[in-house]
Amino acid sequence: MKYFNLIVVLSFCLIVQGCKKKYIQDFEYERVKQNICALKPQAIFNSDDFSMLDIVFLYANGNVNDALTSKIYQSSVQNLKDPQQKYIFCLNQLDFFKDYLETQIRIDLMRDNMIQEYEFHNYSCVLLPHTQLNLSRNKAMKYCD
């Protein structure tokens, strides 16, 4: 009987875990006048709905910029709900900290009754007036040195 309960619990865990696939992809920023805007990746356009949005801006030393995150969170939720909106968020480039910028966007996307967990990354160097967007992690760190 104790093995039966263990099998039931393990089976349940496998079923739940099997319904949620995780993907890691890059996303891109785009300049729009004085703003830097995060383009919605195609996976977001292809989804039926979303949940569990988490956006993190990181300095080169790994510290988080919570002020920037809280500033864009509500507009990001609104933009994600709007299928015509091509950006997740936009910020004036002066609002970004002036250094290496690593952005992580974690979101659960629903499609065809399945949950797909996405983690989107972007690495840029925001040094005015020579901002370089959409680099590899190494290039962004090197450019910001």
C-alpha atoms as a PDB file:
ATOM      1  CA  MET A   1       0.000   0.000   0.000  1.00  0.00           C
ATOM      2  CA  LYS A   2       2.840   2.424   0.804  1.00  0.00           C
ATOM      3  CA  TYR A   3       4.301   1.812  -2.668  1.00  0.00           C
ATOM      4  CA  PHE A   4       0.940   2.499  -4.254  1.00  0.00           C
ATOM      5  CA  ASN A   5       0.784   5.948  -2.601  1.00  0.00           C
ATOM      6  CA  LEU A   6       4.331   6.683  -3.697  1.00  0.00           C
ATOM      7  CA  ILE A   7       3.511   5.678  -7.283  1.00  0.00           C
ATOM      8  CA  VAL A   8       0.411   7.882  -7.264  1.00  0.00           C
ATOM      9  CA  VAL A   9       2.398  10.895  -6.005  1.00  0.00           C
ATOM     10  CA  LEU A  10       5.221  10.348  -8.511  1.00  0.00           C
ATOM     11  CA  SER A  11       2.751   9.885 -11.353  1.00  0.00           C
ATOM     12  CA  PHE A  12       0.974  13.090 -10.428  1.00  0.00           C
ATOM     13  CA  CYS A  13       4.279  14.981 -10.357  1.00  0.00           C
ATOM     14  CA  LEU A  14       5.234  13.653 -13.781  1.00  0.00           C
ATOM     15  CA  ILE A  15       1.845  14.552 -15.229  1.00  0.00           C
ATOM     16  CA  VAL A  16       1.928  18.088 -13.824  1.00  0.00           C
ATOM     17  CA  GLN A  17       5.526  18.640 -14.882  1.00  0.00           C
ATOM     18  CA  GLY A  18       4.808  17.165 -18.305  1.00  0.00           C
ATOM     19  CA  CYS A  19       2.107  19.768 -18.960  1.00  0.00           C
ATOM     20  CA  LYS A  20       4.485  22.691 -18.530  1.00  0.00           C
ATOM     21  CA  LYS A  21       7.297  23.088 -21.027  1.00  0.00           C
ATOM     22  CA  LYS A  22      10.075  25.606 -20.414  1.00  0.00           C
ATOM     23  CA  TYR A  23      11.715  27.627 -23.163  1.00  0.00           C
ATOM     24  CA  ILE A  24      14.617  30.069 -22.963  1.00  0.00           C
ATOM     25  CA  GLN A  25      14.919  32.598 -25.782  1.00  0.00           C
ATOM     26  CA  ASP A  26      16.262  36.049 -26.491  1.00  0.00           C
ATOM     27  CA  PHE A  27      14.062  39.071 -27.104  1.00  0.00           C
ATOM     28  CA  GLU A  28      15.005  42.362 -28.692  1.00  0.00           C
ATOM     29  CA  TYR A  29      14.830  45.998 -27.765  1.00  0.00           C
ATOM     30  CA  GLU A  30      14.005  48.640 -30.343  1.00  0.00           C
ATOM     31  CA  ARG A  31      14.579  52.381 -30.249  1.00  0.00           C
ATOM     32  CA  VAL A  32      11.459  54.457 -30.733  1.00  0.00           C
ATOM     33  CA  LYS A  33      12.406  58.163 -30.652  1.00  0.00           C
ATOM     34  CA  GLN A  34      13.790  58.709 -27.122  1.00  0.00           C
ATOM     35  CA  ASN A  35      12.436  55.387 -25.831  1.00  0.00           C
ATOM     36  CA  ILE A  36      13.826  51.891 -25.617  1.00  0.00           C
ATOM     37  CA  CYS A  37      11.018  49.370 -26.159  1.00  0.00           C
ATOM     38  CA  ALA A  38      10.955  45.608 -25.556  1.00  0.00           C
ATOM     39  CA  LEU A  39       9.499  43.884 -28.607  1.00  0.00           C
ATOM     40  CA  LYS A  40       7.019  41.101 -27.930  1.00  0.00           C
ATOM     41  CA  PRO A  41       8.498  37.787 -29.034  1.00  0.00           C
ATOM     42  CA  GLN A  42       6.411  35.738 -31.464  1.00  0.00           C
ATOM     43  CA  ALA A  43       5.592  33.209 -28.718  1.00  0.00           C
ATOM     44  CA  ILE A  44       3.541  35.870 -26.950  1.00  0.00           C
ATOM     45  CA  PHE A  45       1.567  36.655 -30.096  1.00  0.00           C
ATOM     46  CA  ASN A  46       0.956  32.921 -30.598  1.00  0.00           C
ATOM     47  CA  SER A  47      -0.388  32.380 -27.076  1.00  0.00           C
ATOM     48  CA  ASP A  48      -4.000  32.399 -25.918  1.00  0.00           C
ATOM     49  CA  ASP A  49      -3.312  34.031 -22.547  1.00  0.00           C
ATOM     50  CA  PHE A  50      -0.537  34.643 -20.026  1.00  0.00           C
ATOM     51  CA  SER A  51       0.150  34.561 -16.300  1.00  0.00           C
ATOM     52  CA  MET A  52       3.021  34.773 -13.837  1.00  0.00           C
ATOM     53  CA  LEU A  53       4.798  37.779 -15.374  1.00  0.00           C
ATOM     54  CA  ASP A  54       8.146  38.628 -13.805  1.00  0.00           C
ATOM     55  CA  ILE A  55      10.548  41.209 -15.228  1.00  0.00           C
ATOM     56  CA  VAL A  56      14.031  41.686 -13.803  1.00  0.00           C
ATOM     57  CA  PHE A  57      16.680  44.257 -14.709  1.00  0.00           C
ATOM     58  CA  LEU A  58      20.177  43.299 -13.586  1.00  0.00           C
ATOM     59  CA  TYR A  59      23.403  45.260 -13.224  1.00  0.00           C
ATOM     60  CA  ALA A  60      26.724  43.719 -14.275  1.00  0.00           C
ATOM     61  CA  ASN A  61      27.369  42.727 -10.646  1.00  0.00           C
ATOM     62  CA  GLY A  62      24.065  40.795 -10.535  1.00  0.00           C
ATOM     63  CA  ASN A  63      22.156  43.269  -8.347  1.00  0.00           C
ATOM     64  CA  VAL A  64      18.523  43.855  -9.293  1.00  0.00           C
ATOM     65  CA  ASN A  65      17.036  47.238 -10.199  1.00  0.00           C
ATOM     66  CA  ASP A  66      13.634  46.936  -8.477  1.00  0.00           C
ATOM     67  CA  ALA A  67      12.676  50.573  -9.128  1.00  0.00           C
ATOM     68  CA  LEU A  68      12.831  50.081 -12.881  1.00  0.00           C
ATOM     69  CA  THR A  69      10.826  46.860 -12.632  1.00  0.00           C
ATOM     70  CA  SER A  70       8.034  48.414 -10.600  1.00  0.00           C
ATOM     71  CA  LYS A  71       7.915  51.387 -12.960  1.00  0.00           C
ATOM     72  CA  ILE A  72       7.032  49.254 -16.006  1.00  0.00           C
ATOM     73  CA  TYR A  73       5.087  46.369 -14.491  1.00  0.00           C
ATOM     74  CA  GLN A  74       1.515  47.701 -14.890  1.00  0.00           C
ATOM     75  CA  SER A  75       2.086  48.984 -18.419  1.00  0.00           C
ATOM     76  CA  SER A  76       3.599  45.608 -19.318  1.00  0.00           C
ATOM     77  CA  VAL A  77       0.497  43.766 -18.141  1.00  0.00           C
ATOM     78  CA  GLN A  78      -1.710  46.114 -20.175  1.00  0.00           C
ATOM     79  CA  ASN A  79       0.472  45.758 -23.281  1.00  0.00           C
ATOM     80  CA  LEU A  80       0.516  41.968 -22.992  1.00  0.00           C
ATOM     81  CA  LYS A  81      -3.285  41.916 -22.908  1.00  0.00           C
ATOM     82  CA  ASP A  82      -3.472  44.003 -26.089  1.00  0.00           C
ATOM     83  CA  PRO A  83      -2.854  41.756 -29.130  1.00  0.00           C
ATOM     84  CA  GLN A  84      -2.281  44.830 -31.326  1.00  0.00           C
ATOM     85  CA  GLN A  85       0.515  46.182 -29.120  1.00  0.00           C
ATOM     86  CA  LYS A  86       3.939  45.161 -30.420  1.00  0.00           C
ATOM     87  CA  TYR A  87       5.870  46.126 -27.275  1.00  0.00           C
ATOM     88  CA  ILE A  88       5.901  44.640 -23.794  1.00  0.00           C
ATOM     89  CA  PHE A  89       7.019  47.985 -22.375  1.00  0.00           C
ATOM     90  CA  CYS A  90       8.729  51.202 -23.364  1.00  0.00           C
ATOM     91  CA  LEU A  91      10.901  53.452 -21.225  1.00  0.00           C
ATOM     92  CA  ASN A  92      12.665  56.675 -21.909  1.00  0.00           C
ATOM     93  CA  GLN A  93      16.304  55.758 -22.423  1.00  0.00           C
ATOM     94  CA  LEU A  94      17.218  58.208 -19.651  1.00  0.00           C
ATOM     95  CA  ASP A  95      15.307  55.959 -17.194  1.00  0.00           C
ATOM     96  CA  PHE A  96      17.596  53.005 -17.851  1.00  0.00           C
ATOM     97  CA  PHE A  97      20.684  52.867 -15.699  1.00  0.00           C
ATOM     98  CA  LYS A  98      23.809  53.793 -17.600  1.00  0.00           C
ATOM     99  CA  ASP A  99      25.752  50.575 -17.813  1.00  0.00           C
ATOM    100  CA  TYR A 100      25.469  46.917 -18.687  1.00  0.00           C
ATOM    101  CA  LEU A 101      21.800  45.947 -18.819  1.00  0.00           C
ATOM    102  CA  GLU A 102      20.580  42.381 -18.535  1.00  0.00           C
ATOM    103  CA  THR A 103      16.826  41.980 -18.785  1.00  0.00           C
ATOM    104  CA  GLN A 104      14.967  38.779 -17.944  1.00  0.00           C
ATOM    105  CA  ILE A 105      11.279  38.385 -18.619  1.00  0.00           C
ATOM    106  CA  ARG A 106       9.646  35.276 -17.194  1.00  0.00           C
ATOM    107  CA  ILE A 107       6.104  34.531 -18.249  1.00  0.00           C
ATOM    108  CA  ASP A 108       3.778  31.558 -18.415  1.00  0.00           C
ATOM    109  CA  LEU A 109       1.960  31.420 -21.738  1.00  0.00           C
ATOM    110  CA  MET A 110      -1.172  29.382 -22.304  1.00  0.00           C
ATOM    111  CA  ARG A 111      -1.645  27.777 -25.682  1.00  0.00           C
ATOM    112  CA  ASP A 112      -3.918  24.899 -26.643  1.00  0.00           C
ATOM    113  CA  ASN A 113      -4.679  24.123 -22.971  1.00  0.00           C
ATOM    114  CA  MET A 114      -0.988  23.790 -22.146  1.00  0.00           C
ATOM    115  CA  ILE A 115       1.188  26.042 -20.048  1.00  0.00           C
ATOM    116  CA  GLN A 116       4.520  26.966 -21.544  1.00  0.00           C
ATOM    117  CA  GLU A 117       7.037  28.686 -19.319  1.00  0.00           C
ATOM    118  CA  TYR A 118       9.200  31.191 -21.156  1.00  0.00           C
ATOM    119  CA  GLU A 119      12.275  33.023 -20.012  1.00  0.00           C
ATOM    120  CA  PHE A 120      13.261  35.785 -22.407  1.00  0.00           C
ATOM    121  CA  HIS A 121      16.714  37.410 -22.123  1.00  0.00           C
ATOM    122  CA  ASN A 122      18.329  40.518 -23.507  1.00  0.00           C
ATOM    123  CA  TYR A 123      21.824  41.903 -23.009  1.00  0.00           C
ATOM    124  CA  SER A 124      22.575  45.492 -23.894  1.00  0.00           C
ATOM    125  CA  CYS A 125      24.883  48.327 -22.984  1.00  0.00           C
ATOM    126  CA  VAL A 126      23.082  51.575 -22.246  1.00  0.00           C
ATOM    127  CA  LEU A 127      25.750  54.256 -22.427  1.00  0.00           C
ATOM    128  CA  LEU A 128      24.476  57.531 -23.835  1.00  0.00           C
ATOM    129  CA  PRO A 129      24.963  58.492 -26.594  1.00  0.00           C
ATOM    130  CA  HIS A 130      26.542  55.196 -27.675  1.00  0.00           C
ATOM    131  CA  THR A 131      23.885  52.704 -26.577  1.00  0.00           C
ATOM    132  CA  GLN A 132      24.255  49.217 -28.043  1.00  0.00           C
ATOM    133  CA  LEU A 133      21.162  47.020 -27.869  1.00  0.00           C
ATOM    134  CA  ASN A 134      20.633  43.289 -28.417  1.00  0.00           C
ATOM    135  CA  LEU A 135      24.157  42.006 -27.879  1.00  0.00           C
ATOM    136  CA  SER A 136      25.462  38.738 -26.524  1.00  0.00           C
ATOM    137  CA  ARG A 137      26.188  38.762 -22.808  1.00  0.00           C
ATOM    138  CA  ASN A 138      29.961  38.861 -23.364  1.00  0.00           C
ATOM    139  CA  LYS A 139      29.764  41.648 -25.952  1.00  0.00           C
ATOM    140  CA  ALA A 140      27.520  43.752 -23.720  1.00  0.00           C
ATOM    141  CA  MET A 141      29.884  43.413 -20.758  1.00  0.00           C
ATOM    142  CA  LYS A 142      32.919  44.125 -22.924  1.00  0.00           C
ATOM    143  CA  TYR A 143      31.304  47.143 -24.581  1.00  0.00           C
ATOM    144  CA  CYS A 144      30.333  48.627 -21.203  1.00  0.00           C
ATOM    145  CA  ASP A 145      33.852  48.322 -19.740  1.00  0.00           C
END
